[in-house]
C-alpha atoms as a PDB file:
ATOM      1  CA  MET A   1     -46.964  86.789 -82.819  1.00  0.00           C
ATOM      2  CA  PHE A   2     -44.761  84.986 -80.112  1.00  0.00           C
ATOM      3  CA  THR A   3     -43.216  81.482 -80.879  1.00  0.00           C
ATOM      4  CA  PHE A   4     -41.015  81.036 -77.711  1.00  0.00           C
ATOM      5  CA  TRP A   5     -41.948  81.316 -74.110  1.00  0.00           C
ATOM      6  CA  ASP A   6     -38.913  80.712 -71.741  1.00  0.00           C
ATOM      7  CA  TYR A   7     -39.829  78.131 -68.754  1.00  0.00           C
ATOM      8  CA  GLN A   8     -37.164  79.505 -66.422  1.00  0.00           C
ATOM      9  CA  ARG A   9     -38.934  82.986 -66.304  1.00  0.00           C
ATOM     10  CA  ASN A  10     -42.476  81.632 -66.271  1.00  0.00           C
ATOM     11  CA  ARG A  11     -43.362  83.501 -69.428  1.00  0.00           C
ATOM     12  CA  TRP A  12     -46.011  81.372 -70.644  1.00  0.00           C
ATOM     13  CA  SER A  13     -48.559  81.856 -67.888  1.00  0.00           C
ATOM     14  CA  ARG A  14     -47.903  85.681 -68.413  1.00  0.00           C
ATOM     15  CA  ASP A  15     -47.902  85.431 -72.149  1.00  0.00           C
ATOM     16  CA  ALA A  16     -44.480  87.205 -72.350  1.00  0.00           C
ATOM     17  CA  GLY A  17     -43.208  85.334 -75.152  1.00  0.00           C
ATOM     18  CA  LEU A  18     -40.474  86.334 -77.767  1.00  0.00           C
ATOM     19  CA  ARG A  19     -40.567  86.424 -81.585  1.00  0.00           C
ATOM     20  CA  LEU A  20     -37.758  84.102 -81.881  1.00  0.00           C
ATOM     21  CA  ASP A  21     -38.594  81.708 -84.758  1.00  0.00           C
ATOM     22  CA  HIS A  22     -39.210  83.047 -88.227  1.00  0.00           C
ATOM     23  CA  LEU A  23     -40.380  81.730 -91.589  1.00  0.00           C
ATOM     24  CA  LEU A  24     -38.812  83.334 -94.519  1.00  0.00           C
ATOM     25  CA  LEU A  25     -40.025  83.317 -97.986  1.00  0.00           C
ATOM     26  CA  SER A  26     -38.240  84.168-101.338  1.00  0.00           C
ATOM     27  CA  PRO A  27     -39.786  86.990-103.485  1.00  0.00           C
ATOM     28  CA  ASP A  28     -41.253  84.309-105.690  1.00  0.00           C
ATOM     29  CA  LEU A  29     -43.051  82.568-102.943  1.00  0.00           C
ATOM     30  CA  ALA A  30     -44.212  85.613-100.960  1.00  0.00           C
ATOM     31  CA  GLY A  31     -46.954  86.123-103.636  1.00  0.00           C
ATOM     32  CA  ARG A  32     -48.211  82.748-102.827  1.00  0.00           C
ATOM     33  CA  LEU A  33     -48.612  83.036 -99.203  1.00  0.00           C
ATOM     34  CA  ARG A  34     -52.205  82.819 -97.965  1.00  0.00           C
ATOM     35  CA  ASP A  35     -51.900  82.404 -94.292  1.00  0.00           C
ATOM     36  CA  ALA A  36     -49.462  81.989 -91.439  1.00  0.00           C
ATOM     37  CA  GLY A  37     -49.619  81.544 -87.577  1.00  0.00           C
ATOM     38  CA  VAL A  38     -48.242  79.901 -84.587  1.00  0.00           C
ATOM     39  CA  ASP A  39     -49.719  76.692 -83.029  1.00  0.00           C
ATOM     40  CA  ARG A  40     -49.933  78.169 -79.391  1.00  0.00           C
ATOM     41  CA  ALA A  41     -51.979  75.202 -78.407  1.00  0.00           C
ATOM     42  CA  GLU A  42     -48.923  72.912 -78.674  1.00  0.00           C
ATOM     43  CA  ARG A  43     -47.043  75.102 -76.542  1.00  0.00           C
ATOM     44  CA  GLY A  44     -49.707  74.673 -73.641  1.00  0.00           C
ATOM     45  CA  LEU A  45     -49.469  70.948 -73.596  1.00  0.00           C
ATOM     46  CA  ALA A  46     -47.869  68.959 -70.770  1.00  0.00           C
ATOM     47  CA  ASP A  47     -43.907  68.696 -71.166  1.00  0.00           C
ATOM     48  CA  ALA A  48     -44.162  70.683 -74.407  1.00  0.00           C
ATOM     49  CA  SER A  49     -41.146  72.363 -75.861  1.00  0.00           C
ATOM     50  CA  ASP A  50     -40.604  76.224 -75.132  1.00  0.00           C
ATOM     51  CA  HIS A  51     -41.054  76.920 -78.775  1.00  0.00           C
ATOM     52  CA  ALA A  52     -44.305  76.517 -80.617  1.00  0.00           C
ATOM     53  CA  PRO A  53     -44.566  75.515 -84.174  1.00  0.00           C
ATOM     54  CA  ALA A  54     -44.850  78.108 -86.650  1.00  0.00           C
ATOM     55  CA  TRP A  55     -46.837  77.337 -89.976  1.00  0.00           C
ATOM     56  CA  LEU A  56     -47.674  78.792 -93.286  1.00  0.00           C
ATOM     57  CA  VAL A  57     -50.182  78.078 -96.342  1.00  0.00           C
ATOM     58  CA  LEU A  58     -49.104  78.582 -99.797  1.00  0.00           C
ATOM     59  CA  LYS A  59     -51.325  78.636-102.927  1.00  0.00           C
END
């Protein structure tokens, strides 16, 4: 799951990203994790950041 695509190396169009951003949970919260992902659509917008938002859902 990539969260970063460097503009200088044309990585977005090649889908050659890096797993640069992380979401860390404590052991107590880990059991409440229901879903997680990266909002790739945001990265594909014009003038977007080279990072895509990472998200998670807790119960």
